[in-house]
Amino acid sequence: MNNRLILLDWTWCLPQTLVGYAWYLLVTRLVDRRAQEVNLLQGMRVIRYQRLTGGVSLGPFLFYHHASIGYDLLYHEHGHYRQSMLLGPLYLPLVGVPSIAWAMVKKS
């Protein structure tokens, strides 16, 4: 992985990276122990889970449901990673919160 991306993740994008790391620990250690890191996608750690649905991108962590077919979801979430790199600490309030709200509305 590019050292500059790692530096950006842990400085400019620190809020979402910390939330992503916490979510990674929570998912892989408590929520879904069958979740597994499947690969790296252009600087992102890609984790496939079974007990949760949908996808989420938090800093350099991309999570998705194992039954998601095709690359559309991965490219969509990777787009959020690029937004994270551009917006830095503004990513969570400008993109993250509205995305979560939209996902909750869609489920209702």
PDB file of N, CA and C in Angstrom:
ATOM      1  N   MET A   1       0.843  -1.178   0.000  1.00  0.00           N
ATOM      2  CA  MET A   1       0.000   0.000   0.000  1.00  0.00           C
ATOM      3  C   MET A   1       0.887   1.240   0.000  1.00  0.00           C
ATOM      4  N   ASN A   2       0.444   2.238  -0.670  1.00  0.00           N
ATOM      5  CA  ASN A   2       1.177   3.487  -0.798  1.00  0.00           C
ATOM      6  C   ASN A   2       1.317   4.169   0.569  1.00  0.00           C
ATOM      7  N   ASN A   3       2.533   4.515   0.942  1.00  0.00           N
ATOM      8  CA  ASN A   3       2.777   5.149   2.241  1.00  0.00           C
ATOM      9  C   ASN A   3       2.076   6.492   2.374  1.00  0.00           C
ATOM     10  N   ARG A   4       1.930   7.211   1.263  1.00  0.00           N
ATOM     11  CA  ARG A   4       1.224   8.500   1.319  1.00  0.00           C
ATOM     12  C   ARG A   4      -0.244   8.305   1.667  1.00  0.00           C
ATOM     13  N   LEU A   5      -0.867   7.239   1.138  1.00  0.00           N
ATOM     14  CA  LEU A   5      -2.265   6.961   1.473  1.00  0.00           C
ATOM     15  C   LEU A   5      -2.404   6.621   2.948  1.00  0.00           C
ATOM     16  N   ILE A   6      -1.478   5.845   3.469  1.00  0.00           N
ATOM     17  CA  ILE A   6      -1.518   5.496   4.891  1.00  0.00           C
ATOM     18  C   ILE A   6      -1.391   6.757   5.734  1.00  0.00           C
ATOM     19  N   LEU A   7      -0.477   7.633   5.356  1.00  0.00           N
ATOM     20  CA  LEU A   7      -0.298   8.888   6.088  1.00  0.00           C
ATOM     21  C   LEU A   7      -1.573   9.733   6.045  1.00  0.00           C
ATOM     22  N   LEU A   8      -2.191   9.844   4.873  1.00  0.00           N
ATOM     23  CA  LEU A   8      -3.441  10.601   4.763  1.00  0.00           C
ATOM     24  C   LEU A   8      -4.549   9.967   5.589  1.00  0.00           C
ATOM     25  N   ASP A   9      -4.651   8.636   5.553  1.00  0.00           N
ATOM     26  CA  ASP A   9      -5.696   7.947   6.321  1.00  0.00           C
ATOM     27  C   ASP A   9      -5.588   8.259   7.811  1.00  0.00           C
ATOM     28  N   TRP A  10      -4.360   8.306   8.332  1.00  0.00           N
ATOM     29  CA  TRP A  10      -4.155   8.461   9.771  1.00  0.00           C
ATOM     30  C   TRP A  10      -3.898   9.905  10.185  1.00  0.00           C
ATOM     31  N   THR A  11      -4.068  10.861   9.259  1.00  0.00           N
ATOM     32  CA  THR A  11      -3.958  12.282   9.613  1.00  0.00           C
ATOM     33  C   THR A  11      -5.200  13.016   9.106  1.00  0.00           C
ATOM     34  N   TRP A  12      -5.227  13.353   7.840  1.00  0.00           N
ATOM     35  CA  TRP A  12      -6.309  14.109   7.220  1.00  0.00           C
ATOM     36  C   TRP A  12      -7.660  13.402   7.364  1.00  0.00           C
ATOM     37  N   CYS A  13      -7.679  12.081   7.265  1.00  0.00           N
ATOM     38  CA  CYS A  13      -8.923  11.297   7.315  1.00  0.00           C
ATOM     39  C   CYS A  13      -9.084  10.575   8.655  1.00  0.00           C
ATOM     40  N   LEU A  14      -8.450  11.088   9.697  1.00  0.00           N
ATOM     41  CA  LEU A  14      -8.414  10.391  10.981  1.00  0.00           C
ATOM     42  C   LEU A  14      -9.789  10.043  11.556  1.00  0.00           C
ATOM     43  N   PRO A  15     -10.787  10.951  11.553  1.00  0.00           N
ATOM     44  CA  PRO A  15     -12.073  10.574  12.171  1.00  0.00           C
ATOM     45  C   PRO A  15     -12.695   9.310  11.558  1.00  0.00           C
ATOM     46  N   GLN A  16     -12.788   9.266  10.239  1.00  0.00           N
ATOM     47  CA  GLN A  16     -13.403   8.096   9.609  1.00  0.00           C
ATOM     48  C   GLN A  16     -12.503   6.856   9.690  1.00  0.00           C
ATOM     49  N   THR A  17     -11.197   7.061   9.724  1.00  0.00           N
ATOM     50  CA  THR A  17     -10.285   5.927   9.882  1.00  0.00           C
ATOM     51  C   THR A  17     -10.456   5.302  11.260  1.00  0.00           C
ATOM     52  N   LEU A  18     -10.573   6.122  12.297  1.00  0.00           N
ATOM     53  CA  LEU A  18     -10.779   5.592  13.643  1.00  0.00           C
ATOM     54  C   LEU A  18     -12.117   4.871  13.763  1.00  0.00           C
ATOM     55  N   VAL A  19     -13.161   5.464  13.182  1.00  0.00           N
ATOM     56  CA  VAL A  19     -14.478   4.808  13.211  1.00  0.00           C
ATOM     57  C   VAL A  19     -14.413   3.496  12.420  1.00  0.00           C
ATOM     58  N   GLY A  20     -13.739   3.511  11.276  1.00  0.00           N
ATOM     59  CA  GLY A  20     -13.597   2.297  10.471  1.00  0.00           C
ATOM     60  C   GLY A  20     -12.828   1.212  11.196  1.00  0.00           C
ATOM     61  N   TYR A  21     -11.767   1.597  11.894  1.00  0.00           N
ATOM     62  CA  TYR A  21     -10.982   0.622  12.649  1.00  0.00           C
ATOM     63  C   TYR A  21     -11.801   0.041  13.803  1.00  0.00           C
ATOM     64  N   ALA A  22     -12.549   0.902  14.495  1.00  0.00           N
ATOM     65  CA  ALA A  22     -13.410   0.432  15.579  1.00  0.00           C
ATOM     66  C   ALA A  22     -14.487  -0.512  15.035  1.00  0.00           C
ATOM     67  N   TRP A  23     -15.070  -0.164  13.875  1.00  0.00           N
ATOM     68  CA  TRP A  23     -16.086  -1.017  13.248  1.00  0.00           C
ATOM     69  C   TRP A  23     -15.463  -2.349  12.826  1.00  0.00           C
ATOM     70  N   TYR A  24     -14.244  -2.302  12.312  1.00  0.00           N
ATOM     71  CA  TYR A  24     -13.519  -3.513  11.932  1.00  0.00           C
ATOM     72  C   TYR A  24     -13.363  -4.442  13.138  1.00  0.00           C
ATOM     73  N   LEU A  25     -12.917  -3.889  14.260  1.00  0.00           N
ATOM     74  CA  LEU A  25     -12.740  -4.698  15.466  1.00  0.00           C
ATOM     75  C   LEU A  25     -14.075  -5.239  15.968  1.00  0.00           C
ATOM     76  N   LEU A  26     -15.088  -4.402  15.977  1.00  0.00           N
ATOM     77  CA  LEU A  26     -16.408  -4.820  16.445  1.00  0.00           C
ATOM     78  C   LEU A  26     -16.984  -5.933  15.574  1.00  0.00           C
ATOM     79  N   VAL A  27     -16.910  -5.749  14.265  1.00  0.00           N
ATOM     80  CA  VAL A  27     -17.467  -6.744  13.347  1.00  0.00           C
ATOM     81  C   VAL A  27     -16.691  -8.056  13.422  1.00  0.00           C
ATOM     82  N   THR A  28     -15.378  -7.991  13.317  1.00  0.00           N
ATOM     83  CA  THR A  28     -14.599  -9.231  13.217  1.00  0.00           C
ATOM     84  C   THR A  28     -14.439  -9.960  14.548  1.00  0.00           C
ATOM     85  N   ARG A  29     -14.613  -9.264  15.658  1.00  0.00           N
ATOM     86  CA  ARG A  29     -14.411  -9.916  16.955  1.00  0.00           C
ATOM     87  C   ARG A  29     -15.699 -10.224  17.693  1.00  0.00           C
ATOM     88  N   LEU A  30     -16.790  -9.482  17.394  1.00  0.00           N
ATOM     89  CA  LEU A  30     -18.031  -9.692  18.143  1.00  0.00           C
ATOM     90  C   LEU A  30     -19.244  -9.996  17.270  1.00  0.00           C
ATOM     91  N   VAL A  31     -19.501  -9.158  16.295  1.00  0.00           N
ATOM     92  CA  VAL A  31     -20.738  -9.252  15.520  1.00  0.00           C
ATOM     93  C   VAL A  31     -20.732 -10.418  14.544  1.00  0.00           C
ATOM     94  N   ASP A  32     -19.634 -10.597  13.830  1.00  0.00           N
ATOM     95  CA  ASP A  32     -19.570 -11.646  12.807  1.00  0.00           C
ATOM     96  C   ASP A  32     -18.159 -12.221  12.756  1.00  0.00           C
ATOM     97  N   ARG A  33     -17.922 -13.216  13.570  1.00  0.00           N
ATOM     98  CA  ARG A  33     -16.577 -13.804  13.625  1.00  0.00           C
ATOM     99  C   ARG A  33     -16.206 -14.526  12.333  1.00  0.00           C
ATOM    100  N   ARG A  34     -17.192 -14.745  11.457  1.00  0.00           N
ATOM    101  CA  ARG A  34     -16.881 -15.357  10.163  1.00  0.00           C
ATOM    102  C   ARG A  34     -16.484 -14.317   9.125  1.00  0.00           C
ATOM    103  N   ALA A  35     -16.568 -13.042   9.474  1.00  0.00           N
ATOM    104  CA  ALA A  35     -16.134 -11.983   8.552  1.00  0.00           C
ATOM    105  C   ALA A  35     -14.657 -12.173   8.264  1.00  0.00           C
ATOM    106  N   GLN A  36     -14.284 -11.897   7.031  1.00  0.00           N
ATOM    107  CA  GLN A  36     -12.886 -12.092   6.674  1.00  0.00           C
ATOM    108  C   GLN A  36     -12.392 -10.996   5.751  1.00  0.00           C
ATOM    109  N   GLU A  37     -11.136 -10.658   5.931  1.00  0.00           N
ATOM    110  CA  GLU A  37     -10.497  -9.696   5.051  1.00  0.00           C
ATOM    111  C   GLU A  37     -10.161 -10.439   3.769  1.00  0.00           C
ATOM    112  N   VAL A  38     -10.701  -9.961   2.653  1.00  0.00           N
ATOM    113  CA  VAL A  38     -10.533 -10.699   1.403  1.00  0.00           C
ATOM    114  C   VAL A  38      -9.418 -10.167   0.523  1.00  0.00           C
ATOM    115  N   ASN A  39      -9.144  -8.891   0.563  1.00  0.00           N
ATOM    116  CA  ASN A  39      -8.046  -8.346  -0.238  1.00  0.00           C
ATOM    117  C   ASN A  39      -7.885  -6.860   0.004  1.00  0.00           C
ATOM    118  N   LEU A  40      -6.985  -6.269  -0.734  1.00  0.00           N
ATOM    119  CA  LEU A  40      -6.814  -4.824  -0.752  1.00  0.00           C
ATOM    120  C   LEU A  40      -7.335  -4.308  -2.075  1.00  0.00           C
ATOM    121  N   LEU A  41      -8.040  -3.204  -2.050  1.00  0.00           N
ATOM    122  CA  LEU A  41      -8.563  -2.590  -3.259  1.00  0.00           C
ATOM    123  C   LEU A  41      -8.068  -1.152  -3.295  1.00  0.00           C
ATOM    124  N   GLN A  42      -7.027  -0.905  -4.050  1.00  0.00           N
ATOM    125  CA  GLN A  42      -6.475   0.436  -4.210  1.00  0.00           C
ATOM    126  C   GLN A  42      -6.367   1.184  -2.884  1.00  0.00           C
ATOM    127  N   GLY A  43      -5.681   0.574  -1.930  1.00  0.00           N
ATOM    128  CA  GLY A  43      -5.442   1.218  -0.650  1.00  0.00           C
ATOM    129  C   GLY A  43      -6.448   0.915   0.438  1.00  0.00           C
ATOM    130  N   MET A  44      -7.472   0.145   0.132  1.00  0.00           N
ATOM    131  CA  MET A  44      -8.500  -0.161   1.123  1.00  0.00           C
ATOM    132  C   MET A  44      -8.426  -1.621   1.565  1.00  0.00           C
ATOM    133  N   ARG A  45      -8.683  -1.849   2.840  1.00  0.00           N
ATOM    134  CA  ARG A  45      -8.835  -3.210   3.356  1.00  0.00           C
ATOM    135  C   ARG A  45     -10.284  -3.603   3.120  1.00  0.00           C
ATOM    136  N   VAL A  46     -10.511  -4.673   2.384  1.00  0.00           N
ATOM    137  CA  VAL A  46     -11.861  -5.104   2.032  1.00  0.00           C
ATOM    138  C   VAL A  46     -12.249  -6.274   2.933  1.00  0.00           C
ATOM    139  N   ILE A  47     -13.344  -6.086   3.676  1.00  0.00           N
ATOM    140  CA  ILE A  47     -13.813  -7.101   4.612  1.00  0.00           C
ATOM    141  C   ILE A  47     -15.208  -7.554   4.192  1.00  0.00           C
ATOM    142  N   ARG A  48     -15.349  -8.858   4.026  1.00  0.00           N
ATOM    143  CA  ARG A  48     -16.642  -9.449   3.633  1.00  0.00           C
ATOM    144  C   ARG A  48     -17.276 -10.061   4.875  1.00  0.00           C
ATOM    145  N   TYR A  49     -18.509  -9.650   5.174  1.00  0.00           N
ATOM    146  CA  TYR A  49     -19.197 -10.212   6.328  1.00  0.00           C
ATOM    147  C   TYR A  49     -20.428 -10.980   5.894  1.00  0.00           C
ATOM    148  N   GLN A  50     -20.964 -11.762   6.848  1.00  0.00           N
ATOM    149  CA  GLN A  50     -22.106 -12.615   6.544  1.00  0.00           C
ATOM    150  C   GLN A  50     -23.348 -12.220   7.316  1.00  0.00           C
ATOM    151  N   ARG A  51     -23.178 -11.686   8.507  1.00  0.00           N
ATOM    152  CA  ARG A  51     -24.333 -11.423   9.373  1.00  0.00           C
ATOM    153  C   ARG A  51     -24.932 -10.034   9.186  1.00  0.00           C
ATOM    154  N   LEU A  52     -24.273  -9.154   8.475  1.00  0.00           N
ATOM    155  CA  LEU A  52     -24.764  -7.802   8.241  1.00  0.00           C
ATOM    156  C   LEU A  52     -25.090  -7.650   6.763  1.00  0.00           C
ATOM    157  N   THR A  53     -25.873  -6.651   6.417  1.00  0.00           N
ATOM    158  CA  THR A  53     -26.231  -6.434   5.010  1.00  0.00           C
ATOM    159  C   THR A  53     -25.622  -5.138   4.500  1.00  0.00           C
ATOM    160  N   GLY A  54     -25.640  -4.987   3.180  1.00  0.00           N
ATOM    161  CA  GLY A  54     -25.169  -3.755   2.564  1.00  0.00           C
ATOM    162  C   GLY A  54     -23.664  -3.597   2.597  1.00  0.00           C
ATOM    163  N   GLY A  55     -23.242  -2.369   2.388  1.00  0.00           N
ATOM    164  CA  GLY A  55     -21.823  -2.060   2.380  1.00  0.00           C
ATOM    165  C   GLY A  55     -21.574  -0.735   3.065  1.00  0.00           C
ATOM    166  N   VAL A  56     -20.362  -0.558   3.530  1.00  0.00           N
ATOM    167  CA  VAL A  56     -19.985   0.699   4.173  1.00  0.00           C
ATOM    168  C   VAL A  56     -18.491   0.917   3.966  1.00  0.00           C
ATOM    169  N   SER A  57     -18.140   2.177   3.796  1.00  0.00           N
ATOM    170  CA  SER A  57     -16.744   2.562   3.633  1.00  0.00           C
ATOM    171  C   SER A  57     -16.414   3.590   4.702  1.00  0.00           C
ATOM    172  N   LEU A  58     -15.441   3.245   5.548  1.00  0.00           N
ATOM    173  CA  LEU A  58     -15.018   4.149   6.613  1.00  0.00           C
ATOM    174  C   LEU A  58     -13.501   4.228   6.589  1.00  0.00           C
ATOM    175  N   GLY A  59     -12.983   5.359   6.124  1.00  0.00           N
ATOM    176  CA  GLY A  59     -11.537   5.465   5.973  1.00  0.00           C
ATOM    177  C   GLY A  59     -11.053   4.382   5.023  1.00  0.00           C
ATOM    178  N   PRO A  60      -9.966   3.702   5.351  1.00  0.00           N
ATOM    179  CA  PRO A  60      -9.424   2.692   4.447  1.00  0.00           C
ATOM    180  C   PRO A  60     -10.065   1.313   4.623  1.00  0.00           C
ATOM    181  N   PHE A  61     -11.241   1.243   5.249  1.00  0.00           N
ATOM    182  CA  PHE A  61     -11.924  -0.023   5.492  1.00  0.00           C
ATOM    183  C   PHE A  61     -13.216  -0.071   4.683  1.00  0.00           C
ATOM    184  N   LEU A  62     -13.349  -1.092   3.869  1.00  0.00           N
ATOM    185  CA  LEU A  62     -14.555  -1.287   3.068  1.00  0.00           C
ATOM    186  C   LEU A  62     -15.186  -2.599   3.505  1.00  0.00           C
ATOM    187  N   PHE A  63     -16.441  -2.540   3.927  1.00  0.00           N
ATOM    188  CA  PHE A  63     -17.182  -3.705   4.397  1.00  0.00           C
ATOM    189  C   PHE A  63     -18.335  -3.979   3.441  1.00  0.00           C
ATOM    190  N   TYR A  64     -18.584  -5.249   3.156  1.00  0.00           N
ATOM    191  CA  TYR A  64     -19.735  -5.579   2.321  1.00  0.00           C
ATOM    192  C   TYR A  64     -20.256  -6.966   2.655  1.00  0.00           C
ATOM    193  N   HIS A  65     -21.520  -7.200   2.335  1.00  0.00           N
ATOM    194  CA  HIS A  65     -22.171  -8.480   2.582  1.00  0.00           C
ATOM    195  C   HIS A  65     -21.692  -9.512   1.583  1.00  0.00           C
ATOM    196  N   HIS A  66     -21.467 -10.733   2.047  1.00  0.00           N
ATOM    197  CA  HIS A  66     -20.881 -11.792   1.206  1.00  0.00           C
ATOM    198  C   HIS A  66     -21.730 -12.136  -0.005  1.00  0.00           C
ATOM    199  N   ALA A  67     -23.039 -11.906   0.059  1.00  0.00           N
ATOM    200  CA  ALA A  67     -23.899 -12.281  -1.064  1.00  0.00           C
ATOM    201  C   ALA A  67     -24.004 -11.178  -2.119  1.00  0.00           C
ATOM    202  N   SER A  68     -23.383 -10.037  -1.878  1.00  0.00           N
ATOM    203  CA  SER A  68     -23.410  -8.971  -2.877  1.00  0.00           C
ATOM    204  C   SER A  68     -22.682  -9.450  -4.123  1.00  0.00           C
ATOM    205  N   ILE A  69     -23.365  -9.363  -5.234  1.00  0.00           N
ATOM    206  CA  ILE A  69     -22.807  -9.887  -6.481  1.00  0.00           C
ATOM    207  C   ILE A  69     -22.345  -8.733  -7.356  1.00  0.00           C
ATOM    208  N   GLY A  70     -21.237  -8.922  -8.009  1.00  0.00           N
ATOM    209  CA  GLY A  70     -20.729  -7.912  -8.930  1.00  0.00           C
ATOM    210  C   GLY A  70     -19.860  -6.894  -8.220  1.00  0.00           C
ATOM    211  N   TYR A  71     -19.311  -6.015  -9.018  1.00  0.00           N
ATOM    212  CA  TYR A  71     -18.389  -5.025  -8.491  1.00  0.00           C
ATOM    213  C   TYR A  71     -19.032  -3.675  -8.256  1.00  0.00           C
ATOM    214  N   ASP A  72     -20.310  -3.518  -8.565  1.00  0.00           N
ATOM    215  CA  ASP A  72     -20.959  -2.219  -8.408  1.00  0.00           C
ATOM    216  C   ASP A  72     -20.867  -1.698  -6.980  1.00  0.00           C
ATOM    217  N   LEU A  73     -21.162  -2.549  -6.003  1.00  0.00           N
ATOM    218  CA  LEU A  73     -21.099  -2.121  -4.608  1.00  0.00           C
ATOM    219  C   LEU A  73     -19.676  -1.753  -4.210  1.00  0.00           C
ATOM    220  N   LEU A  74     -18.705  -2.557  -4.634  1.00  0.00           N
ATOM    221  CA  LEU A  74     -17.309  -2.263  -4.296  1.00  0.00           C
ATOM    222  C   LEU A  74     -16.865  -0.934  -4.903  1.00  0.00           C
ATOM    223  N   TYR A  75     -17.228  -0.691  -6.156  1.00  0.00           N
ATOM    224  CA  TYR A  75     -16.857   0.581  -6.792  1.00  0.00           C
ATOM    225  C   TYR A  75     -17.571   1.752  -6.123  1.00  0.00           C
ATOM    226  N   HIS A  76     -18.833   1.540  -5.741  1.00  0.00           N
ATOM    227  CA  HIS A  76     -19.581   2.585  -5.045  1.00  0.00           C
ATOM    228  C   HIS A  76     -18.884   2.951  -3.736  1.00  0.00           C
ATOM    229  N   GLU A  77     -18.555   1.932  -2.951  1.00  0.00           N
ATOM    230  CA  GLU A  77     -17.891   2.175  -1.663  1.00  0.00           C
ATOM    231  C   GLU A  77     -16.485   2.746  -1.858  1.00  0.00           C
ATOM    232  N   HIS A  78     -15.795   2.311  -2.910  1.00  0.00           N
ATOM    233  CA  HIS A  78     -14.476   2.888  -3.191  1.00  0.00           C
ATOM    234  C   HIS A  78     -14.611   4.369  -3.544  1.00  0.00           C
ATOM    235  N   GLY A  79     -15.700   4.730  -4.175  1.00  0.00           N
ATOM    236  CA  GLY A  79     -15.973   6.150  -4.445  1.00  0.00           C
ATOM    237  C   GLY A  79     -16.077   6.948  -3.150  1.00  0.00           C
ATOM    238  N   HIS A  80     -16.677   6.347  -2.125  1.00  0.00           N
ATOM    239  CA  HIS A  80     -16.734   7.012  -0.818  1.00  0.00           C
ATOM    240  C   HIS A  80     -15.335   7.178  -0.228  1.00  0.00           C
ATOM    241  N   TYR A  81     -14.466   6.215  -0.471  1.00  0.00           N
ATOM    242  CA  TYR A  81     -13.085   6.343   0.003  1.00  0.00           C
ATOM    243  C   TYR A  81     -12.414   7.547  -0.662  1.00  0.00           C
ATOM    244  N   ARG A  82     -12.636   7.710  -1.953  1.00  0.00           N
ATOM    245  CA  ARG A  82     -12.065   8.871  -2.648  1.00  0.00           C
ATOM    246  C   ARG A  82     -12.641  10.174  -2.093  1.00  0.00           C
ATOM    247  N   GLN A  83     -13.954  10.162  -1.792  1.00  0.00           N
ATOM    248  CA  GLN A  83     -14.562  11.340  -1.177  1.00  0.00           C
ATOM    249  C   GLN A  83     -13.915  11.625   0.174  1.00  0.00           C
ATOM    250  N   SER A  84     -13.645  10.574   0.923  1.00  0.00           N
ATOM    251  CA  SER A  84     -13.002  10.707   2.220  1.00  0.00           C
ATOM    252  C   SER A  84     -11.646  11.384   2.076  1.00  0.00           C
ATOM    253  N   MET A  85     -10.884  10.971   1.065  1.00  0.00           N
ATOM    254  CA  MET A  85      -9.568  11.566   0.840  1.00  0.00           C
ATOM    255  C   MET A  85      -9.675  13.047   0.474  1.00  0.00           C
ATOM    256  N   LEU A  86     -10.697  13.419  -0.247  1.00  0.00           N
ATOM    257  CA  LEU A  86     -10.874  14.820  -0.627  1.00  0.00           C
ATOM    258  C   LEU A  86     -11.394  15.677   0.523  1.00  0.00           C
ATOM    259  N   LEU A  87     -12.360  15.159   1.268  1.00  0.00           N
ATOM    260  CA  LEU A  87     -13.031  15.955   2.293  1.00  0.00           C
ATOM    261  C   LEU A  87     -12.375  15.894   3.661  1.00  0.00           C
ATOM    262  N   GLY A  88     -11.559  14.878   3.895  1.00  0.00           N
ATOM    263  CA  GLY A  88     -10.891  14.754   5.186  1.00  0.00           C
ATOM    264  C   GLY A  88     -11.875  14.724   6.335  1.00  0.00           C
ATOM    265  N   PRO A  89     -11.688  15.595   7.338  1.00  0.00           N
ATOM    266  CA  PRO A  89     -12.545  15.552   8.527  1.00  0.00           C
ATOM    267  C   PRO A  89     -14.000  15.950   8.267  1.00  0.00           C
ATOM    268  N   LEU A  90     -14.284  16.499   7.097  1.00  0.00           N
ATOM    269  CA  LEU A  90     -15.668  16.854   6.760  1.00  0.00           C
ATOM    270  C   LEU A  90     -16.447  15.679   6.178  1.00  0.00           C
ATOM    271  N   TYR A  91     -15.767  14.575   5.902  1.00  0.00           N
ATOM    272  CA  TYR A  91     -16.414  13.431   5.263  1.00  0.00           C
ATOM    273  C   TYR A  91     -17.588  12.876   6.077  1.00  0.00           C
ATOM    274  N   LEU A  92     -17.372  12.641   7.356  1.00  0.00           N
ATOM    275  CA  LEU A  92     -18.452  12.040   8.155  1.00  0.00           C
ATOM    276  C   LEU A  92     -19.699  12.920   8.209  1.00  0.00           C
ATOM    277  N   PRO A  93     -19.579  14.231   8.519  1.00  0.00           N
ATOM    278  CA  PRO A  93     -20.808  15.031   8.549  1.00  0.00           C
ATOM    279  C   PRO A  93     -21.429  15.271   7.174  1.00  0.00           C
ATOM    280  N   LEU A  94     -20.617  15.383   6.127  1.00  0.00           N
ATOM    281  CA  LEU A  94     -21.164  15.704   4.805  1.00  0.00           C
ATOM    282  C   LEU A  94     -21.605  14.486   3.997  1.00  0.00           C
ATOM    283  N   VAL A  95     -20.959  13.347   4.192  1.00  0.00           N
ATOM    284  CA  VAL A  95     -21.262  12.150   3.397  1.00  0.00           C
ATOM    285  C   VAL A  95     -21.733  10.996   4.282  1.00  0.00           C
ATOM    286  N   GLY A  96     -21.018  10.741   5.370  1.00  0.00           N
ATOM    287  CA  GLY A  96     -21.323   9.592   6.216  1.00  0.00           C
ATOM    288  C   GLY A  96     -22.696   9.644   6.853  1.00  0.00           C
ATOM    289  N   VAL A  97     -23.009  10.745   7.517  1.00  0.00           N
ATOM    290  CA  VAL A  97     -24.307  10.867   8.197  1.00  0.00           C
ATOM    291  C   VAL A  97     -25.465  10.818   7.193  1.00  0.00           C
ATOM    292  N   PRO A  98     -25.422  11.578   6.083  1.00  0.00           N
ATOM    293  CA  PRO A  98     -26.512  11.460   5.112  1.00  0.00           C
ATOM    294  C   PRO A  98     -26.637  10.051   4.517  1.00  0.00           C
ATOM    295  N   SER A  99     -25.517   9.362   4.305  1.00  0.00           N
ATOM    296  CA  SER A  99     -25.579   8.000   3.760  1.00  0.00           C
ATOM    297  C   SER A  99     -26.262   7.050   4.729  1.00  0.00           C
ATOM    298  N   ILE A 100     -25.922   7.160   5.998  1.00  0.00           N
ATOM    299  CA  ILE A 100     -26.562   6.310   7.008  1.00  0.00           C
ATOM    300  C   ILE A 100     -28.040   6.630   7.113  1.00  0.00           C
ATOM    301  N   ALA A 101     -28.386   7.904   7.101  1.00  0.00           N
ATOM    302  CA  ALA A 101     -29.795   8.306   7.165  1.00  0.00           C
ATOM    303  C   ALA A 101     -30.568   7.762   5.965  1.00  0.00           C
ATOM    304  N   TRP A 102     -29.979   7.853   4.779  1.00  0.00           N
ATOM    305  CA  TRP A 102     -30.621   7.347   3.569  1.00  0.00           C
ATOM    306  C   TRP A 102     -30.822   5.832   3.651  1.00  0.00           C
ATOM    307  N   ALA A 103     -29.824   5.125   4.135  1.00  0.00           N
ATOM    308  CA  ALA A 103     -29.928   3.669   4.263  1.00  0.00           C
ATOM    309  C   ALA A 103     -31.041   3.293   5.245  1.00  0.00           C
ATOM    310  N   MET A 104     -31.178   4.057   6.323  1.00  0.00           N
ATOM    311  CA  MET A 104     -32.235   3.778   7.308  1.00  0.00           C
ATOM    312  C   MET A 104     -33.611   4.055   6.722  1.00  0.00           C
ATOM    313  N   VAL A 105     -33.738   5.119   5.933  1.00  0.00           N
ATOM    314  CA  VAL A 105     -35.013   5.447   5.296  1.00  0.00           C
ATOM    315  C   VAL A 105     -35.392   4.369   4.285  1.00  0.00           C
ATOM    316  N   LYS A 106     -34.419   3.877   3.522  1.00  0.00           N
ATOM    317  CA  LYS A 106     -34.692   2.839   2.518  1.00  0.00           C
ATOM    318  C   LYS A 106     -35.187   1.554   3.170  1.00  0.00           C
ATOM    319  N   LYS A 107     -34.700   1.228   4.366  1.00  0.00           N
ATOM    320  CA  LYS A 107     -35.114   0.002   5.058  1.00  0.00           C
ATOM    321  C   LYS A 107     -36.525   0.106   5.611  1.00  0.00           C
ATOM    322  N   SER A 108     -37.001   1.318   5.859  1.00  0.00           N
ATOM    323  CA  SER A 108     -38.336   1.506   6.452  1.00  0.00           C
ATOM    324  C   SER A 108     -39.446   1.200   5.480  1.00  0.00           C
TER     325      SER A 108
END
